[in-house]
PDB file of N, CA and C in Angstrom:
ATOM      1  N   MET A   1      41.619  30.068-258.222  1.00  0.00           N
ATOM      2  CA  MET A   1      42.320  30.914-259.194  1.00  0.00           C
ATOM      3  C   MET A   1      41.424  32.105-259.440  1.00  0.00           C
ATOM      4  N   GLU A   2      42.030  33.298-259.451  1.00  0.00           N
ATOM      5  CA  GLU A   2      41.302  34.533-259.677  1.00  0.00           C
ATOM      6  C   GLU A   2      41.064  34.700-261.161  1.00  0.00           C
ATOM      7  N   ALA A   3      40.090  35.522-261.488  1.00  0.00           N
ATOM      8  CA  ALA A   3      39.782  35.786-262.890  1.00  0.00           C
ATOM      9  C   ALA A   3      40.950  36.455-263.613  1.00  0.00           C
ATOM     10  N   SER A   4      41.732  37.252-262.927  1.00  0.00           N
ATOM     11  CA  SER A   4      42.860  37.935-263.555  1.00  0.00           C
ATOM     12  C   SER A   4      43.985  37.024-263.860  1.00  0.00           C
ATOM     13  N   GLN A   5      44.013  35.826-263.243  1.00  0.00           N
ATOM     14  CA  GLN A   5      45.087  34.873-263.487  1.00  0.00           C
ATOM     15  C   GLN A   5      44.781  33.891-264.591  1.00  0.00           C
ATOM     16  N   THR A   6      43.513  33.811-265.004  1.00  0.00           N
ATOM     17  CA  THR A   6      43.201  32.839-266.051  1.00  0.00           C
ATOM     18  C   THR A   6      43.648  33.403-267.399  1.00  0.00           C
ATOM     19  N   ALA A   7      44.238  32.517-268.190  1.00  0.00           N
ATOM     20  CA  ALA A   7      44.730  32.932-269.487  1.00  0.00           C
ATOM     21  C   ALA A   7      43.652  32.599-270.553  1.00  0.00           C
ATOM     22  N   THR A   8      43.342  33.604-271.364  1.00  0.00           N
ATOM     23  CA  THR A   8      42.473  33.370-272.476  1.00  0.00           C
ATOM     24  C   THR A   8      43.317  32.992-273.682  1.00  0.00           C
ATOM     25  N   PRO A   9      42.690  32.317-274.662  1.00  0.00           N
ATOM     26  CA  PRO A   9      43.504  31.956-275.834  1.00  0.00           C
ATOM     27  C   PRO A   9      44.216  33.135-276.492  1.00  0.00           C
ATOM     28  N   ALA A  10      43.604  34.318-276.512  1.00  0.00           N
ATOM     29  CA  ALA A  10      44.198  35.463-277.142  1.00  0.00           C
ATOM     30  C   ALA A  10      45.402  35.986-276.345  1.00  0.00           C
ATOM     31  N   THR A  11      45.349  35.893-275.034  1.00  0.00           N
ATOM     32  CA  THR A  11      46.477  36.466-274.281  1.00  0.00           C
ATOM     33  C   THR A  11      47.581  35.445-274.029  1.00  0.00           C
ATOM     34  N   SER A  12      47.344  34.141-274.226  1.00  0.00           N
ATOM     35  CA  SER A  12      48.360  33.162-273.992  1.00  0.00           C
ATOM     36  C   SER A  12      49.305  33.019-275.179  1.00  0.00           C
ATOM     37  N   ARG A  13      48.941  33.573-276.309  1.00  0.00           N
ATOM     38  CA  ARG A  13      49.795  33.488-277.501  1.00  0.00           C
ATOM     39  C   ARG A  13      50.910  34.520-277.391  1.00  0.00           C
ATOM     40  N   SER A  14      52.094  34.148-277.860  1.00  0.00           N
ATOM     41  CA  SER A  14      53.212  35.078-277.777  1.00  0.00           C
ATOM     42  C   SER A  14      53.087  36.093-278.905  1.00  0.00           C
ATOM     43  N   LYS A  15      53.765  37.226-278.720  1.00  0.00           N
ATOM     44  CA  LYS A  15      53.686  38.302-279.724  1.00  0.00           C
ATOM     45  C   LYS A  15      54.366  37.816-281.014  1.00  0.00           C
ATOM     46  N   GLU A  16      55.330  36.926-280.900  1.00  0.00           N
ATOM     47  CA  GLU A  16      55.976  36.401-282.113  1.00  0.00           C
ATOM     48  C   GLU A  16      54.981  35.550-282.927  1.00  0.00           C
ATOM     49  N   ASP A  17      54.129  34.759-282.231  1.00  0.00           N
ATOM     50  CA  ASP A  17      53.126  33.954-282.915  1.00  0.00           C
ATOM     51  C   ASP A  17      52.090  34.862-283.633  1.00  0.00           C
ATOM     52  N   ILE A  18      51.696  35.908-282.965  1.00  0.00           N
ATOM     53  CA  ILE A  18      50.692  36.838-283.521  1.00  0.00           C
ATOM     54  C   ILE A  18      51.319  37.546-284.733  1.00  0.00           C
ATOM     55  N   ALA A  19      52.568  37.981-284.610  1.00  0.00           N
ATOM     56  CA  ALA A  19      53.236  38.635-285.716  1.00  0.00           C
ATOM     57  C   ALA A  19      53.395  37.697-286.882  1.00  0.00           C
ATOM     58  N   LEU A  20      53.661  36.457-286.638  1.00  0.00           N
ATOM     59  CA  LEU A  20      53.814  35.444-287.708  1.00  0.00           C
ATOM     60  C   LEU A  20      52.492  35.219-288.426  1.00  0.00           C
ATOM     61  N   ASP A  21      51.383  35.181-287.686  1.00  0.00           N
ATOM     62  CA  ASP A  21      50.082  35.033-288.295  1.00  0.00           C
ATOM     63  C   ASP A  21      49.745  36.288-289.147  1.00  0.00           C
ATOM     64  N   LEU A  22      50.116  37.446-288.632  1.00  0.00           N
ATOM     65  CA  LEU A  22      49.913  38.683-289.392  1.00  0.00           C
ATOM     66  C   LEU A  22      50.734  38.665-290.628  1.00  0.00           C
ATOM     67  N   LEU A  23      51.986  38.183-290.571  1.00  0.00           N
ATOM     68  CA  LEU A  23      52.850  38.087-291.751  1.00  0.00           C
ATOM     69  C   LEU A  23      52.234  37.135-292.813  1.00  0.00           C
ATOM     70  N   LYS A  24      51.729  35.997-292.338  1.00  0.00           N
ATOM     71  CA  LYS A  24      51.103  35.035-293.280  1.00  0.00           C
ATOM     72  C   LYS A  24      49.894  35.673-293.980  1.00  0.00           C
ATOM     73  N   PHE A  25      49.077  36.413-293.226  1.00  0.00           N
ATOM     74  CA  PHE A  25      47.933  37.060-293.803  1.00  0.00           C
ATOM     75  C   PHE A  25      48.315  38.116-294.843  1.00  0.00           C
ATOM     76  N   VAL A  26      49.199  39.026-294.420  1.00  0.00           N
ATOM     77  CA  VAL A  26      49.590  40.114-295.314  1.00  0.00           C
ATOM     78  C   VAL A  26      50.312  39.575-296.578  1.00  0.00           C
ATOM     79  N   ALA A  27      51.184  38.609-296.354  1.00  0.00           N
ATOM     80  CA  ALA A  27      51.914  38.001-297.479  1.00  0.00           C
ATOM     81  C   ALA A  27      50.965  37.345-298.464  1.00  0.00           C
ATOM     82  N   SER A  28      49.948  36.678-297.989  1.00  0.00           N
ATOM     83  CA  SER A  28      49.007  36.011-298.896  1.00  0.00           C
ATOM     84  C   SER A  28      48.142  37.012-299.645  1.00  0.00           C
ATOM     85  N   VAL A  29      47.736  38.100-298.986  1.00  0.00           N
ATOM     86  CA  VAL A  29      46.886  39.090-299.601  1.00  0.00           C
ATOM     87  C   VAL A  29      47.727  39.918-300.600  1.00  0.00           C
ATOM     88  N   ALA A  30      48.938  40.236-300.234  1.00  0.00           N
ATOM     89  CA  ALA A  30      49.802  41.060-301.113  1.00  0.00           C
ATOM     90  C   ALA A  30      50.602  40.232-302.081  1.00  0.00           C
ATOM     91  N   ASN A  31      50.478  38.915-302.044  1.00  0.00           N
ATOM     92  CA  ASN A  31      51.207  37.983-302.890  1.00  0.00           C
ATOM     93  C   ASN A  31      52.716  38.196-302.776  1.00  0.00           C
ATOM     94  N   VAL A  32      53.169  38.330-301.546  1.00  0.00           N
ATOM     95  CA  VAL A  32      54.598  38.492-301.235  1.00  0.00           C
ATOM     96  C   VAL A  32      55.179  37.150-300.891  1.00  0.00           C
ATOM     97  N   GLY A  33      56.305  36.760-301.482  1.00  0.00           N
ATOM     98  CA  GLY A  33      56.967  35.560-301.181  1.00  0.00           C
ATOM     99  C   GLY A  33      56.425  34.330-301.844  1.00  0.00           C
ATOM    100  N   GLY A  34      55.387  34.501-302.612  1.00  0.00           N
ATOM    101  CA  GLY A  34      54.824  33.377-303.330  1.00  0.00           C
ATOM    102  C   GLY A  34      55.562  33.143-304.634  1.00  0.00           C
ATOM    103  N   LYS A  35      55.249  32.058-305.282  1.00  0.00           N
ATOM    104  CA  LYS A  35      55.843  31.742-306.559  1.00  0.00           C
ATOM    105  C   LYS A  35      55.351  32.712-307.591  1.00  0.00           C
ATOM    106  N   SER A  36      56.255  33.289-308.349  1.00  0.00           N
ATOM    107  CA  SER A  36      55.866  34.206-309.348  1.00  0.00           C
ATOM    108  C   SER A  36      55.371  33.489-310.561  1.00  0.00           C
ATOM    109  N   SER A  37      54.457  34.138-311.277  1.00  0.00           N
ATOM    110  CA  SER A  37      53.919  33.467-312.455  1.00  0.00           C
ATOM    111  C   SER A  37      54.936  33.535-313.582  1.00  0.00           C
ATOM    112  N   GLY A  38      55.127  32.452-314.284  1.00  0.00           N
ATOM    113  CA  GLY A  38      56.121  32.429-315.325  1.00  0.00           C
ATOM    114  C   GLY A  38      55.599  33.093-316.582  1.00  0.00           C
ATOM    115  N   ALA A  39      56.508  33.607-317.327  1.00  0.00           N
ATOM    116  CA  ALA A  39      56.146  34.188-318.610  1.00  0.00           C
ATOM    117  C   ALA A  39      56.045  33.070-319.651  1.00  0.00           C
ATOM    118  N   THR A  40      55.492  33.399-320.774  1.00  0.00           N
ATOM    119  CA  THR A  40      55.403  32.396-321.827  1.00  0.00           C
ATOM    120  C   THR A  40      56.785  32.123-322.315  1.00  0.00           C
ATOM    121  N   GLY A  41      57.106  30.841-322.397  1.00  0.00           N
ATOM    122  CA  GLY A  41      58.436  30.455-322.833  1.00  0.00           C
ATOM    123  C   GLY A  41      59.301  30.090-321.631  1.00  0.00           C
ATOM    124  N   PHE A  42      60.575  29.880-321.903  1.00  0.00           N
ATOM    125  CA  PHE A  42      61.529  29.500-320.887  1.00  0.00           C
ATOM    126  C   PHE A  42      62.079  30.723-320.154  1.00  0.00           C
ATOM    127  N   VAL A  43      62.009  30.641-318.828  1.00  0.00           N
ATOM    128  CA  VAL A  43      62.567  31.710-318.014  1.00  0.00           C
ATOM    129  C   VAL A  43      63.527  31.025-317.051  1.00  0.00           C
ATOM    130  N   ALA A  44      64.812  31.390-317.090  1.00  0.00           N
ATOM    131  CA  ALA A  44      65.826  30.815-316.225  1.00  0.00           C
ATOM    132  C   ALA A  44      65.547  31.234-314.795  1.00  0.00           C
ATOM    133  N   PRO A  45      65.617  30.326-313.838  1.00  0.00           N
ATOM    134  CA  PRO A  45      65.470  30.699-312.439  1.00  0.00           C
ATOM    135  C   PRO A  45      66.595  31.621-312.021  1.00  0.00           C
ATOM    136  N   SER A  46      66.261  32.514-311.129  1.00  0.00           N
ATOM    137  CA  SER A  46      67.230  33.476-310.660  1.00  0.00           C
ATOM    138  C   SER A  46      67.386  33.365-309.166  1.00  0.00           C
ATOM    139  N   GLN A  47      68.605  33.118-308.715  1.00  0.00           N
ATOM    140  CA  GLN A  47      68.886  32.972-307.291  1.00  0.00           C
ATOM    141  C   GLN A  47      68.645  34.307-306.613  1.00  0.00           C
ATOM    142  N   ALA A  48      68.972  35.384-307.237  1.00  0.00           N
ATOM    143  CA  ALA A  48      68.808  36.715-306.594  1.00  0.00           C
ATOM    144  C   ALA A  48      67.307  36.985-306.322  1.00  0.00           C
ATOM    145  N   LYS A  49      66.445  36.455-307.171  1.00  0.00           N
ATOM    146  CA  LYS A  49      65.044  36.684-306.980  1.00  0.00           C
ATOM    147  C   LYS A  49      64.553  35.983-305.717  1.00  0.00           C
ATOM    148  N   SER A  50      65.053  34.786-305.454  1.00  0.00           N
ATOM    149  CA  SER A  50      64.689  34.070-304.226  1.00  0.00           C
ATOM    150  C   SER A  50      65.229  34.809-302.985  1.00  0.00           C
ATOM    151  N   GLU A  51      66.442  35.320-303.123  1.00  0.00           N
ATOM    152  CA  GLU A  51      66.988  36.075-302.026  1.00  0.00           C
ATOM    153  C   GLU A  51      66.214  37.362-301.765  1.00  0.00           C
ATOM    154  N   ASP A  52      65.756  38.005-302.838  1.00  0.00           N
ATOM    155  CA  ASP A  52      64.938  39.202-302.699  1.00  0.00           C
ATOM    156  C   ASP A  52      63.617  38.867-301.967  1.00  0.00           C
ATOM    157  N   GLN A  53      63.008  37.720-302.308  1.00  0.00           N
ATOM    158  CA  GLN A  53      61.773  37.337-301.656  1.00  0.00           C
ATOM    159  C   GLN A  53      61.969  37.091-300.205  1.00  0.00           C
ATOM    160  N   VAL A  54      63.103  36.416-299.872  1.00  0.00           N
ATOM    161  CA  VAL A  54      63.403  36.147-298.441  1.00  0.00           C
ATOM    162  C   VAL A  54      63.608  37.491-297.696  1.00  0.00           C
ATOM    163  N   GLU A  55      64.336  38.410-298.314  1.00  0.00           N
ATOM    164  CA  GLU A  55      64.583  39.713-297.729  1.00  0.00           C
ATOM    165  C   GLU A  55      63.258  40.431-297.508  1.00  0.00           C
ATOM    166  N   SER A  56      62.370  40.378-298.456  1.00  0.00           N
ATOM    167  CA  SER A  56      61.060  41.028-298.381  1.00  0.00           C
ATOM    168  C   SER A  56      60.245  40.438-297.217  1.00  0.00           C
ATOM    169  N   LEU A  57      60.280  39.119-297.076  1.00  0.00           N
ATOM    170  CA  LEU A  57      59.537  38.469-296.007  1.00  0.00           C
ATOM    171  C   LEU A  57      60.122  38.825-294.638  1.00  0.00           C
ATOM    172  N   LEU A  58      61.426  38.872-294.536  1.00  0.00           N
ATOM    173  CA  LEU A  58      62.046  39.246-293.259  1.00  0.00           C
ATOM    174  C   LEU A  58      61.719  40.674-292.892  1.00  0.00           C
ATOM    175  N   ASN A  59      61.744  41.578-293.886  1.00  0.00           N
ATOM    176  CA  ASN A  59      61.368  42.982-293.612  1.00  0.00           C
ATOM    177  C   ASN A  59      59.914  43.080-293.179  1.00  0.00           C
ATOM    178  N   LEU A  60      59.064  42.326-293.835  1.00  0.00           N
ATOM    179  CA  LEU A  60      57.641  42.328-293.520  1.00  0.00           C
ATOM    180  C   LEU A  60      57.426  41.801-292.115  1.00  0.00           C
ATOM    181  N   TYR A  61      58.143  40.708-291.733  1.00  0.00           N
ATOM    182  CA  TYR A  61      58.015  40.151-290.388  1.00  0.00           C
ATOM    183  C   TYR A  61      58.449  41.213-289.332  1.00  0.00           C
ATOM    184  N   ALA A  62      59.510  41.947-289.620  1.00  0.00           N
ATOM    185  CA  ALA A  62      59.984  42.984-288.710  1.00  0.00           C
ATOM    186  C   ALA A  62      58.917  44.053-288.517  1.00  0.00           C
ATOM    187  N   LYS A  63      58.259  44.429-289.594  1.00  0.00           N
ATOM    188  CA  LYS A  63      57.193  45.384-289.491  1.00  0.00           C
ATOM    189  C   LYS A  63      55.974  44.823-288.729  1.00  0.00           C
ATOM    190  N   CYS A  64      55.695  43.587-288.944  1.00  0.00           N
ATOM    191  CA  CYS A  64      54.585  42.894-288.162  1.00  0.00           C
ATOM    192  C   CYS A  64      54.896  42.886-286.710  1.00  0.00           C
ATOM    193  N   ARG A  65      56.149  42.593-286.331  1.00  0.00           N
ATOM    194  CA  ARG A  65      56.551  42.563-284.935  1.00  0.00           C
ATOM    195  C   ARG A  65      56.378  43.980-284.333  1.00  0.00           C
ATOM    196  N   GLU A  66      56.786  44.999-285.052  1.00  0.00           N
ATOM    197  CA  GLU A  66      56.616  46.361-284.581  1.00  0.00           C
ATOM    198  C   GLU A  66      55.154  46.664-284.351  1.00  0.00           C
ATOM    199  N   ALA A  67      54.325  46.298-285.276  1.00  0.00           N
ATOM    200  CA  ALA A  67      52.893  46.569-285.131  1.00  0.00           C
ATOM    201  C   ALA A  67      52.288  45.829-283.953  1.00  0.00           C
ATOM    202  N   VAL A  68      52.666  44.642-283.711  1.00  0.00           N
ATOM    203  CA  VAL A  68      52.129  43.839-282.593  1.00  0.00           C
ATOM    204  C   VAL A  68      52.644  44.374-281.270  1.00  0.00           C
ATOM    205  N   GLU A  69      53.861  44.822-281.262  1.00  0.00           N
ATOM    206  CA  GLU A  69      54.473  45.241-279.990  1.00  0.00           C
ATOM    207  C   GLU A  69      54.192  46.738-279.661  1.00  0.00           C
ATOM    208  N   ALA A  70      53.607  47.450-280.615  1.00  0.00           N
ATOM    209  CA  ALA A  70      53.356  48.853-280.428  1.00  0.00           C
ATOM    210  C   ALA A  70      52.319  49.031-279.303  1.00  0.00           C
ATOM    211  N   PRO A  71      52.516  50.023-278.435  1.00  0.00           N
ATOM    212  CA  PRO A  71      51.539  50.255-277.390  1.00  0.00           C
ATOM    213  C   PRO A  71      50.198  50.746-277.982  1.00  0.00           C
ATOM    214  N   VAL A  72      49.126  50.327-277.338  1.00  0.00           N
ATOM    215  CA  VAL A  72      47.805  50.755-277.774  1.00  0.00           C
ATOM    216  C   VAL A  72      47.415  52.007-277.042  1.00  0.00           C
ATOM    217  N   GLU A  73      47.080  53.047-277.814  1.00  0.00           N
ATOM    218  CA  GLU A  73      46.679  54.303-277.173  1.00  0.00           C
ATOM    219  C   GLU A  73      45.212  54.205-276.773  1.00  0.00           C
ATOM    220  N   LYS A  74      44.876  54.745-275.640  1.00  0.00           N
ATOM    221  CA  LYS A  74      43.487  54.681-275.181  1.00  0.00           C
ATOM    222  C   LYS A  74      42.847  56.049-275.250  1.00  0.00           C
TER     223      LYS A  74
END
């Protein structure tokens, strides 16, 4: 087997996997999609808030995919 045919761990991962790892990192650092801290007292759960979080995560994943798939300038 030639050296050019051997797969390294970094090159054998799909772009989707790399984008997902990037999403996890950015979401954890930016506190996106996590449980929001409750206010003092009773706060009724909001379905729209969960949908907004899902929408934010999907948009973030799309941006991560774009970043991973963007050509690297030399």
